[in-house]
Every structure is written in C-alpha cells, then in structure tokens.
Protein backbone atom coordinates (compact mmCIF):
# COMPACT_ATOMS: atom_id res chain seq x y z
CA MET A 1 -18.53 29.37 -16.00
CA SER A 2 -19.87 27.97 -13.06
CA ASP A 3 -17.80 25.36 -10.40
CA LYS A 4 -19.07 22.44 -11.67
CA GLU A 5 -17.96 23.39 -15.16
CA PHE A 6 -14.44 24.26 -13.94
CA LEU A 7 -14.02 20.92 -12.64
CA VAL A 8 -15.34 19.15 -15.46
CA LYS A 9 -13.04 20.82 -17.26
CA MET A 10 -9.84 20.20 -14.98
CA GLY A 11 -11.05 16.87 -14.56
CA ASN A 12 -10.90 16.22 -18.39
CA ALA A 13 -7.51 17.47 -18.81
CA ILE A 14 -6.47 15.04 -15.81
CA LYS A 15 -7.73 12.58 -18.08
CA GLN A 16 -6.11 13.50 -21.11
CA ALA A 17 -2.93 13.96 -19.22
CA ARG A 18 -3.00 10.30 -17.80
CA LYS A 19 -4.40 8.86 -21.38
CA ASP A 20 -1.12 10.84 -22.85
CA ARG A 21 1.68 9.01 -20.97
CA ASN A 22 -0.48 5.57 -21.39
CA LEU A 23 -1.46 5.26 -17.96
CA THR A 24 -4.84 4.00 -16.59
CA GLN A 25 -6.57 5.53 -13.40
CA ALA A 26 -5.34 2.33 -11.53
CA ALA A 27 -1.89 3.29 -12.15
CA LEU A 28 -2.23 6.97 -11.65
CA ALA A 29 -4.17 6.43 -8.31
CA TYR A 30 -1.73 4.04 -6.86
CA GLU A 31 1.41 6.30 -7.85
CA ILE A 32 -0.17 9.43 -5.83
CA GLY A 33 -1.61 7.21 -2.99
CA MET A 34 -5.40 7.38 -3.92
CA GLU A 35 -8.12 5.35 -4.45
CA LYS A 36 -8.96 4.34 -8.47
CA SER A 37 -12.77 5.72 -7.32
CA ASN A 38 -11.43 8.88 -6.14
CA LEU A 39 -9.55 9.49 -8.97
CA SER A 40 -12.28 8.63 -11.36
CA VAL A 41 -14.66 11.55 -8.94
CA ILE A 42 -12.26 14.26 -9.86
CA GLU A 43 -11.63 13.27 -13.60
CA ASN A 44 -15.69 13.37 -13.70
CA GLY A 45 -15.44 17.10 -12.22
CA LYS A 46 -17.21 15.92 -9.37
CA SER A 47 -15.08 16.42 -6.49
CA ASN A 48 -13.55 19.66 -5.86
CA PRO A 49 -10.05 18.28 -4.86
CA GLN A 50 -7.47 19.79 -2.76
CA ILE A 51 -4.95 21.63 -4.07
CA LEU A 52 -1.94 18.87 -2.52
CA THR A 53 -3.98 16.66 -4.76
CA ILE A 54 -3.79 18.56 -7.48
CA ILE A 55 -0.02 19.03 -7.54
CA ARG A 56 0.22 15.44 -6.42
CA ILE A 57 -1.43 14.33 -9.67
CA CYS A 58 0.61 17.36 -11.96
CA SER A 59 3.59 15.84 -10.49
CA ALA A 60 2.87 12.12 -10.84
CA LEU A 61 2.25 13.26 -15.05
CA GLU A 62 5.04 15.62 -14.84
CA ILE A 63 3.26 18.35 -15.92
CA SER A 64 2.97 22.00 -14.06
CA VAL A 65 -0.52 23.14 -12.83
CA ASP A 66 -1.10 25.53 -14.82
CA LYS A 67 -0.52 22.91 -18.11
CA LEU A 68 -3.07 21.28 -16.41
CA MET A 69 -5.47 24.27 -16.42
CA ASP A 70 -4.49 25.66 -19.57
CA PHE A 71 -8.57 25.63 -21.14
CA GLU A 72 -10.79 28.61 -21.88
CA PHE A 73 -11.71 30.77 -19.20
CA ASP A 74 -14.12 33.59 -18.17
CA TYR A 75 -13.12 34.88 -14.40
CA ILE A 76 -15.54 37.42 -15.28
CA GLY A 77 -18.28 34.95 -15.59
CA PHE A 78 -17.08 32.60 -12.80
CA LYS A 79 -16.98 35.53 -10.34
CA GLU A 80 -20.74 36.27 -10.92
CA ALA A 81 -21.62 32.75 -11.54
CA LYS A 82 -23.64 30.92 -8.60
CA GLU A 83 -21.14 29.11 -6.11
CA GLU A 84 -21.85 25.51 -5.97
CA TYR A 85 -19.02 24.23 -3.99
CA LYS A 86 -18.50 25.94 -0.25
CA PRO A 87 -15.01 25.94 1.48
CA ARG A 88 -14.19 24.26 4.42
CA GLN A 89 -14.84 25.20 7.87
CA HIS A 90 -11.53 24.83 9.74
CA LYS A 91 -11.66 24.87 13.29
C-alpha cells in the first residue's frame, strides 16, 4: 500500500462517517473550523492532514481514531512502498 492509497482509504472512511451522521462537508468543515474545500481534499485522499486535524474530525464525528482507520492495512507493504509524501521540515 502506498502513501496515496492509505490517504484515499482514510479519506473514504471520513466521508462515510460524515454521511452516516447526515452531515454535509460544509457542516463538518464549519464544526472543525476548516474550509469546505480543504475537507474535500482530505476526503478525496489528496492531502496528508496533520494529526490534530484528524483528531478534530474524529471528535466532531464522535468516533475514535482507530475506528477511522479500521480498514485493511498492509504494514509490510507500506514500509516497502515508495514514499510519496515527505515529512515537513521544521526549523
């Protein structure tokens, strides 16, 4: 599994949890203080959200982080896959 595949799976899980609660993207984005367009990018797996953003999303959806990431994950394959996202460099 690549970085991209992981982010798509996580984004799909966010989208499904949001829909299960009958929330629009706009409503969830407002609740967590984020632009709707930024939430859309996360849900579509095109962004590598910060951990605090994930926590805010989970809190708003009233789900745990492990529930959000409750999908099949090949840890060995991920470790061996080509890295697509680089960690941010902090000064």
